[in-house]
Protein backbone atom coordinates (compact mmCIF):
# COMPACT_ATOMS: atom_id res chain seq x y z
CA MET A 1 100.83 104.39 138.09
CA LYS A 2 100.27 102.88 134.64
CA LYS A 3 98.99 105.21 131.97
CA GLU A 4 95.48 104.50 130.58
CA ILE A 5 95.17 102.72 127.38
CA LYS A 6 92.48 104.25 125.21
CA GLY A 7 91.81 105.58 121.72
CA THR A 8 94.20 105.04 118.80
CA GLY A 9 96.95 102.56 119.32
CA VAL A 10 99.48 101.63 116.54
CA ALA A 11 100.86 98.07 116.28
CA LEU A 12 104.43 99.22 115.21
CA VAL A 13 106.45 97.42 112.69
CA THR A 14 110.01 96.40 113.13
CA PRO A 15 112.10 98.09 110.57
CA PHE A 16 114.89 95.96 109.09
CA HIS A 17 118.04 96.88 106.82
CA SER A 18 118.34 95.04 103.70
CA ASN A 19 120.83 92.62 105.44
CA GLY A 20 118.06 91.56 107.84
CA ASN A 21 119.48 93.45 110.74
CA ILE A 22 117.09 95.72 112.81
CA ASP A 23 117.13 99.32 111.65
CA PHE A 24 117.07 101.06 114.97
CA VAL A 25 117.34 104.50 113.50
CA ALA A 26 114.27 103.94 111.42
CA LEU A 27 112.34 102.63 114.53
CA ASP A 28 113.16 105.75 116.39
CA ARG A 29 111.91 107.73 113.22
CA LEU A 30 108.68 105.80 113.34
CA VAL A 31 107.96 106.36 117.07
CA LYS A 32 108.53 110.07 116.41
CA HIS A 33 106.06 109.89 113.36
CA MET A 34 103.62 108.54 115.93
CA HIS A 35 104.12 111.38 118.28
CA LYS A 36 103.60 113.79 115.45
CA GLY A 37 100.49 112.09 114.39
CA LYS A 38 99.06 112.35 117.93
CA VAL A 39 98.27 108.71 118.51
CA ASP A 40 97.10 107.75 121.90
CA PHE A 41 99.35 104.59 122.74
CA LEU A 42 101.94 102.29 120.98
CA LEU A 43 101.88 98.47 120.77
CA ALA A 44 105.43 97.06 120.68
CA MET A 45 106.08 93.37 119.46
CA GLY A 46 102.70 92.51 118.03
CA THR A 47 102.10 90.31 114.99
CA THR A 48 102.79 93.37 112.70
CA ALA A 49 106.22 93.70 114.35
CA GLU A 50 107.23 90.35 112.90
CA THR A 51 108.03 89.40 116.60
CA ALA A 52 108.08 85.65 115.83
CA THR A 53 111.15 86.18 113.77
CA LEU A 54 113.09 88.02 116.56
CA THR A 55 115.50 86.42 119.10
CA GLU A 56 115.11 87.25 122.65
CA ASP A 57 118.02 89.75 122.63
CA GLU A 58 116.42 91.48 119.68
CA LYS A 59 113.04 91.73 121.41
CA ILE A 60 114.81 93.37 124.45
CA ALA A 61 116.57 95.87 122.09
CA VAL A 62 113.48 96.64 120.19
CA LEU A 63 111.44 97.38 123.28
CA SER A 64 114.14 99.42 124.73
CA THR A 65 114.45 101.55 121.63
CA ILE A 66 110.74 102.19 121.71
CA ILE A 67 110.82 103.14 125.26
CA ASP A 68 113.83 105.35 124.85
CA SER A 69 112.32 107.00 121.72
CA ASN A 70 109.01 107.53 123.18
CA GLU A 71 110.51 109.50 126.13
CA GLY A 72 107.49 108.88 128.35
CA VAL A 73 105.17 110.60 125.91
CA LEU A 74 102.69 107.88 125.20
CA PRO A 75 101.55 104.58 126.93
CA ILE A 76 103.32 101.29 125.69
CA MET A 77 101.56 98.16 125.32
CA VAL A 78 103.71 95.05 124.73
CA GLY A 79 102.45 91.97 122.81
CA MET A 80 103.09 88.96 124.90
CA GLY A 81 101.32 85.58 123.87
CA SER A 82 102.24 81.94 123.56
CA ASN A 83 100.80 78.56 123.21
CA ASN A 84 102.90 77.53 126.06
CA THR A 85 101.19 78.80 129.23
CA ARG A 86 103.67 78.07 131.65
CA GLN A 87 106.50 79.68 129.68
CA LEU A 88 104.34 82.69 129.04
CA SER A 89 103.61 83.13 132.71
CA HIS A 90 107.35 83.06 133.36
CA ASP A 91 108.03 85.62 130.61
CA ILE A 92 105.34 87.90 131.85
CA LYS A 93 106.80 87.89 135.41
CA ALA A 94 110.14 88.85 134.11
CA MET A 95 108.66 91.95 132.59
CA ARG A 96 107.73 93.42 135.93
CA ASP A 97 110.57 96.15 136.02
CA LYS A 98 110.03 97.31 132.25
CA GLU A 99 108.58 100.91 131.77
CA ILE A 100 105.37 99.67 130.01
CA ASP A 101 101.66 100.15 130.70
CA ALA A 102 99.89 97.08 129.71
CA ILE A 103 100.27 93.74 127.82
CA LEU A 104 98.29 92.33 124.81
CA SER A 105 98.02 88.71 125.02
CA VAL A 106 96.73 86.61 121.93
CA THR A 107 94.72 83.47 122.30
CA PRO A 108 96.95 80.44 122.22
CA TYR A 109 97.65 79.33 118.56
CA TYR A 110 98.09 75.98 117.10
CA ASN A 111 96.98 74.13 120.08
CA LYS A 112 93.35 75.09 119.29
CA PRO A 113 92.15 75.06 123.07
CA ASN A 114 88.49 75.04 123.74
CA GLN A 115 86.61 77.74 125.70
CA LYS A 116 87.41 76.03 129.00
CA GLY A 117 91.19 75.99 127.98
CA ILE A 118 91.17 79.64 126.91
CA ILE A 119 89.76 80.56 130.31
CA ALA A 120 92.30 78.63 132.24
CA HIS A 121 95.02 80.09 130.14
CA PHE A 122 94.11 83.57 130.62
CA LYS A 123 93.75 83.06 134.28
CA GLU A 124 97.35 82.09 134.49
CA VAL A 125 98.28 85.09 132.41
CA ALA A 126 96.10 87.34 134.71
CA MET A 127 97.66 86.04 137.86
CA ALA A 128 101.13 86.42 136.52
CA SER A 129 100.89 89.89 135.25
CA ASP A 130 101.50 93.05 137.38
CA PHE A 131 100.20 95.10 134.34
CA PRO A 132 96.76 95.46 132.86
CA VAL A 133 96.03 92.77 130.34
CA VAL A 134 94.24 93.18 126.98
CA LEU A 135 93.06 90.00 125.43
CA TYR A 136 93.66 89.44 121.61
CA ASN A 137 91.19 87.50 119.52
CA VAL A 138 92.25 86.91 116.06
CA PRO A 139 90.90 83.50 114.82
CA GLY A 140 92.20 83.94 111.53
CA ARG A 141 95.68 83.62 112.79
CA THR A 142 95.15 81.37 115.84
CA SER A 143 92.27 79.08 114.64
CA SER A 144 90.72 79.71 118.13
CA ASN A 145 87.89 82.08 118.77
CA ILE A 146 87.36 83.76 122.23
CA LEU A 147 83.47 83.55 122.37
CA PRO A 148 81.58 86.61 123.87
CA GLU A 149 80.53 84.64 126.96
CA THR A 150 84.28 83.41 127.52
CA CYS A 151 85.47 87.18 127.06
CA LEU A 152 82.78 88.32 129.59
CA ASN A 153 83.72 85.50 132.10
CA LEU A 154 87.26 86.72 132.08
CA ALA A 155 86.39 90.29 132.24
CA ASN A 156 84.23 89.73 135.26
CA SER A 157 86.58 87.47 136.93
CA PHE A 158 89.92 89.20 136.73
CA PRO A 159 90.12 93.08 137.50
CA ASN A 160 93.46 93.28 135.60
CA ILE A 161 91.96 91.92 132.45
CA ILE A 162 90.77 95.38 131.11
CA GLY A 163 90.04 94.92 127.56
CA ILE A 164 89.94 93.00 124.21
CA LYS A 165 91.46 93.57 120.79
CA GLU A 166 88.72 92.08 118.74
CA ALA A 167 89.76 90.98 115.34
CA SER A 168 87.22 88.14 114.61
CA GLY A 169 85.56 90.16 111.91
CA ASN A 170 82.28 89.33 113.47
CA LEU A 171 80.37 92.43 114.39
CA MET A 172 77.52 90.50 116.18
CA GLN A 173 80.20 89.09 118.42
CA VAL A 174 81.73 92.43 119.26
CA MET A 175 78.30 93.86 119.93
CA GLU A 176 77.49 90.98 122.35
CA ILE A 177 80.85 91.89 124.31
CA ILE A 178 80.06 95.60 124.21
CA LYS A 179 76.47 95.00 125.55
CA GLY A 180 77.50 92.50 128.33
CA ARG A 181 80.89 93.92 129.48
CA PRO A 182 81.58 95.25 133.04
CA LYS A 183 82.14 98.88 133.62
CA GLY A 184 85.62 100.16 132.46
CA PHE A 185 86.25 97.05 130.16
CA LYS A 186 87.34 98.32 126.77
CA VAL A 187 86.93 96.93 123.38
CA PHE A 188 89.32 97.84 120.61
CA SER A 189 89.02 97.10 116.94
CA GLY A 190 91.69 94.73 115.61
CA ASP A 191 90.68 95.33 111.91
CA ASP A 192 91.27 98.79 110.42
CA ALA A 193 88.40 98.41 108.01
CA LEU A 194 85.89 97.86 110.82
CA THR A 195 87.02 100.53 113.23
CA LEU A 196 84.50 103.17 112.30
CA PRO A 197 81.42 100.57 112.55
CA MET A 198 82.67 99.14 115.87
CA LEU A 199 83.17 102.65 117.41
CA ALA A 200 79.63 103.26 116.21
CA THR A 201 78.26 100.41 118.30
CA GLY A 202 80.29 101.38 121.30
CA ALA A 203 83.79 100.28 120.91
CA ASP A 204 86.59 102.28 122.58
CA GLY A 205 89.38 102.61 120.02
CA VAL A 206 91.61 100.75 117.71
CA ILE A 207 94.92 98.91 117.54
CA SER A 208 95.78 100.01 113.94
CA VAL A 209 98.12 98.80 111.29
CA VAL A 210 97.40 101.74 108.70
CA ALA A 211 98.34 104.25 111.53
CA ASN A 212 101.95 103.25 110.99
CA ALA A 213 101.63 105.38 107.83
CA TYR A 214 98.83 107.68 108.51
CA PRO A 215 98.63 108.14 112.31
CA ALA A 216 97.08 111.63 112.14
CA ALA A 217 94.19 110.57 109.99
CA MET A 218 93.31 107.34 112.05
CA SER A 219 93.66 109.30 115.36
CA GLU A 220 91.35 112.10 114.10
CA MET A 221 88.78 109.55 112.92
CA VAL A 222 88.77 107.80 116.11
CA ARG A 223 88.64 111.10 118.20
CA LEU A 224 85.72 112.38 116.13
CA MET A 225 83.72 109.21 116.94
CA LEU A 226 84.56 108.87 120.66
CA ASP A 227 84.13 112.60 121.38
CA ASN A 228 80.87 112.88 119.55
CA GLY A 229 82.53 115.16 117.05
CA ASP A 230 81.51 115.57 113.38
CA ARG A 231 80.57 111.96 112.36
CA ASN A 232 80.34 112.93 108.75
CA LYS A 233 83.91 114.18 108.95
CA ALA A 234 84.94 110.79 110.59
CA MET A 235 83.09 108.89 107.85
CA LYS A 236 84.91 110.95 105.22
CA ILE A 237 88.32 109.94 106.72
CA HIS A 238 87.20 106.28 106.93
CA TYR A 239 86.32 106.10 103.20
CA GLN A 240 89.60 107.97 102.36
CA LEU A 241 91.37 105.15 104.18
CA MET A 242 89.51 102.26 102.82
CA PRO A 243 91.16 101.82 99.58
CA ILE A 244 94.58 101.99 101.31
CA ILE A 245 93.57 99.58 104.00
CA ASN A 246 92.18 97.13 101.28
CA ALA A 247 95.50 97.21 99.52
CA LEU A 248 97.63 96.89 102.64
CA PHE A 249 96.11 93.53 103.39
CA ALA A 250 95.78 92.32 99.91
CA ASP A 251 99.15 90.40 100.03
CA GLY A 252 99.78 89.83 103.60
CA ASN A 253 100.65 91.84 106.81
CA PRO A 254 102.98 93.43 107.54
CA ALA A 255 104.36 93.15 103.85
CA GLY A 256 101.72 95.73 102.77
CA ILE A 257 102.35 98.30 105.43
CA LYS A 258 106.03 98.13 104.96
CA ALA A 259 105.70 98.76 101.26
CA LEU A 260 103.52 101.73 102.04
CA LEU A 261 106.02 103.04 104.70
CA GLU A 262 108.81 102.88 102.08
CA HIS A 263 106.51 104.97 99.59
CA ILE A 264 106.13 107.65 102.20
CA ASN A 265 109.88 107.55 103.21
CA ILE A 266 109.52 106.30 106.74
CA LEU A 267 111.71 103.20 106.43
CA GLY A 268 112.79 100.50 103.96
CA ASN A 269 110.60 97.72 102.66
CA ASN A 270 112.48 94.72 104.17
CA LEU A 271 111.07 91.74 105.95
CA ARG A 272 112.14 88.68 107.58
CA LEU A 273 111.32 85.12 106.12
CA PRO A 274 108.76 83.50 105.86
CA MET A 275 107.40 87.07 105.14
CA VAL A 276 108.25 88.47 101.71
CA LYS A 277 107.46 91.55 99.90
CA VAL A 278 103.99 92.34 98.37
CA ASN A 279 103.70 91.45 94.62
CA ARG A 280 104.30 94.09 91.94
CA SER A 281 100.57 94.85 91.31
CA VAL A 282 99.80 95.37 95.01
CA ASN A 283 103.05 97.61 95.42
CA ASN A 284 102.18 99.64 92.35
CA GLU A 285 98.57 100.21 93.83
CA LEU A 286 99.96 101.41 96.91
CA LYS A 287 102.26 103.73 95.30
CA ARG A 288 99.35 104.97 93.39
CA LEU A 289 97.23 105.45 96.27
CA VAL A 290 100.02 107.36 98.13
CA SER A 291 100.42 109.73 95.23
CA LEU A 292 96.69 110.59 95.28
CA SER A 293 96.29 110.77 99.14
CA THR A 294 96.05 113.92 101.11
CA LEU A 295 96.01 112.02 104.33
CA SER A 296 98.59 112.48 107.12
């Protein structure tokens, strides 16, 4: 029985040593930080994890470490996307024995398929997967947008496509999906800054970057919105997070979040090319914001 994916998920970074090797001790520490912050689920090997720079052996080692460190506490979602549908289907089938609860599958990048191609691609993904599938729409990275009618077509056609991470930045598009979705289909914010307004219009949670650093704050904000709690308190947290979120993405992701995680002593600020550290002004701003923050 797979654990339910809901609420606040965290797109975990992959910590590296200064020599470029994976820092598995820091990865374990990061997972424990998520437990302490009471997030609802983990995303392994998403874009924020610099997955494109990992070898196949490293991907296996990273996922195994996250599973071991998690000790069954939280549901685990794994990023599995490609612009090669056949290879992706093969890779998904090879995951059948893994202790995971869902996969997150990004729209094919670079190829720029039309909507018919997107539907055909995700049909193959759905048929290959023994796990629930969450679509990932991030046109800014893929140059390919899952239109609301395409999302709803997939949601109604394949029972194991259970949600979408929406990072188009288009609230009208998000609301069209929420309005027309079948029962049980979840919509997750893929943009930290838009999480509160998306929740206010009926979204079900977030897959967050800033929650790597501030899991408790993001989790509390989301819970307050989803459980009809103190909306004013949720808004206060949102506006406390806003300057940090703006600085995080000012010079690229995950460069911003890794700089922030170094400032709060979770892991070292090391990336793999082609990603490089944020510029000095952004780093200084993040350090300043950390010194002023009362968030956890």
